[in-house]
Protein backbone atom coordinates (compact mmCIF):
# COMPACT_ATOMS: atom_id res chain seq x y z
CA MET A 1 0.00 0.00 0.00
CA ARG A 2 2.76 2.45 0.94
CA ALA A 3 4.60 1.82 -2.36
CA SER A 4 1.50 2.60 -4.40
CA ALA A 5 0.89 5.76 -2.38
CA GLU A 6 4.47 6.88 -3.01
CA ALA A 7 4.13 6.13 -6.74
CA ALA A 8 0.93 8.19 -6.84
CA GLY A 9 2.71 11.00 -4.98
CA ARG A 10 5.54 11.01 -7.53
CA LYS A 11 3.03 11.15 -10.40
CA PHE A 12 1.24 14.03 -8.68
CA ALA A 13 4.51 15.92 -8.19
CA ARG A 14 5.42 15.48 -11.87
CA LEU A 15 1.95 16.64 -12.93
CA VAL A 16 2.13 19.72 -10.70
CA THR A 17 5.65 20.57 -11.85
CA GLY A 18 4.61 20.46 -15.50
CA ALA A 19 1.48 22.50 -14.84
CA VAL A 20 3.27 25.16 -12.80
CA VAL A 21 6.12 25.51 -15.30
CA ALA A 22 3.58 26.07 -18.07
CA ARG A 23 1.32 28.31 -15.98
CA PRO A 24 3.10 29.77 -12.93
CA TRP A 25 -0.13 31.21 -11.50
CA LEU A 26 -1.20 27.60 -10.76
CA TRP A 27 1.38 27.46 -7.96
CA ARG A 28 -1.18 29.13 -5.68
CA VAL A 29 -3.55 26.23 -6.36
CA PHE A 30 -1.04 23.44 -5.68
CA ARG A 31 1.26 24.93 -3.01
CA THR A 32 -0.57 23.56 0.05
CA ALA A 33 -0.90 20.05 -1.39
CA ILE A 34 2.80 19.92 -2.31
CA ARG A 35 3.79 21.22 1.12
CA ARG A 36 1.75 18.46 2.77
CA GLN A 37 3.14 15.80 0.45
CA PHE A 38 6.77 16.67 1.19
CA GLY A 39 5.99 17.18 4.86
CA SER A 40 4.68 13.62 5.06
CA LEU A 41 7.88 12.32 3.43
CA ALA A 42 10.24 14.22 5.75
CA THR A 43 10.90 11.39 8.19
CA SER A 44 12.08 9.02 5.44
CA TRP A 45 13.62 11.58 3.07
CA GLU A 46 17.19 11.50 4.38
CA GLY A 47 17.61 7.81 3.55
CA ARG A 48 16.08 7.92 0.06
CA LEU A 49 19.29 8.77 -1.78
CA GLY A 50 22.74 7.43 -1.19
CA PRO A 51 25.89 9.58 -1.04
CA GLU A 52 26.48 8.99 -4.77
CA ALA A 53 23.43 11.13 -5.55
CA LEU A 54 25.36 14.23 -4.48
CA ALA A 55 28.48 13.42 -6.53
CA PRO A 56 27.51 15.82 -9.36
CA LEU A 57 27.11 18.64 -6.83
CA GLU A 58 30.48 17.87 -5.27
CA ALA A 59 32.10 17.80 -8.73
CA ALA A 60 30.55 21.17 -9.58
CA LEU A 61 31.78 22.67 -6.30
CA GLU A 62 35.30 21.46 -7.08
CA ARG A 63 35.24 23.47 -10.32
CA LEU A 64 34.44 26.79 -8.67
CA GLY A 65 37.32 29.19 -9.04
CA ALA A 66 36.95 31.08 -5.80
CA PRO A 67 35.59 29.81 -2.50
CA ALA A 68 31.92 30.52 -2.02
CA ARG A 69 31.08 33.13 0.59
CA LYS A 70 27.32 32.60 0.52
CA ALA A 71 25.08 29.79 -0.70
CA LEU A 72 21.31 29.47 -0.84
CA ASP A 73 19.74 26.02 -1.25
CA LEU A 74 16.11 26.45 -2.32
CA GLY A 75 13.99 23.36 -1.80
CA THR A 76 16.64 22.01 0.52
CA GLY A 77 14.59 19.12 1.89
CA THR A 78 16.53 17.79 4.84
CA GLY A 79 19.55 19.90 3.91
CA LYS A 80 21.82 17.19 2.46
CA ALA A 81 23.09 19.40 -0.36
CA ALA A 82 23.46 22.41 1.94
CA ARG A 83 25.62 20.31 4.26
CA VAL A 84 27.84 19.30 1.31
CA VAL A 85 28.34 22.98 0.46
CA ALA A 86 29.04 23.86 4.10
CA ARG A 87 31.68 21.12 4.38
CA ARG A 88 33.34 22.21 1.13
CA PHE A 89 33.30 25.90 2.11
CA PRO A 90 33.44 26.05 5.93
CA GLU A 91 33.75 29.86 5.92
CA ALA A 92 30.61 30.32 3.79
CA GLU A 93 27.20 31.33 5.07
CA VAL A 94 24.94 28.50 3.88
CA VAL A 95 21.17 28.81 4.10
CA GLY A 96 18.66 26.11 3.22
CA VAL A 97 14.97 26.88 2.71
CA ASP A 98 12.15 24.45 2.08
CA LEU A 99 8.42 24.75 1.49
CA ALA A 100 7.64 21.98 3.99
CA PRO A 101 8.52 22.96 7.57
CA GLU A 102 8.87 19.27 8.50
CA MET A 103 11.82 19.02 6.14
């Protein structure tokens, strides 16, 4: 049952993403539902992706010429990517923001 609910949630998220990209005003319609969806996933979110999922981010950070002083991670989820940036640039101010407070 949980797997089918998650599959339906993914389909819903894809549908909403496509709709909002095409018609940004629709975000007002879907915002609360998306917030609830991601809020309900917060407790299991951290374990969904292994460390290899952040390898492209780490590779991109390696290519930066100068150390970052500030970084903003929009849609941070549990903050995994923000933590990668903070470890790579310990002097930087790193801020993560997410729509779902539970994240």
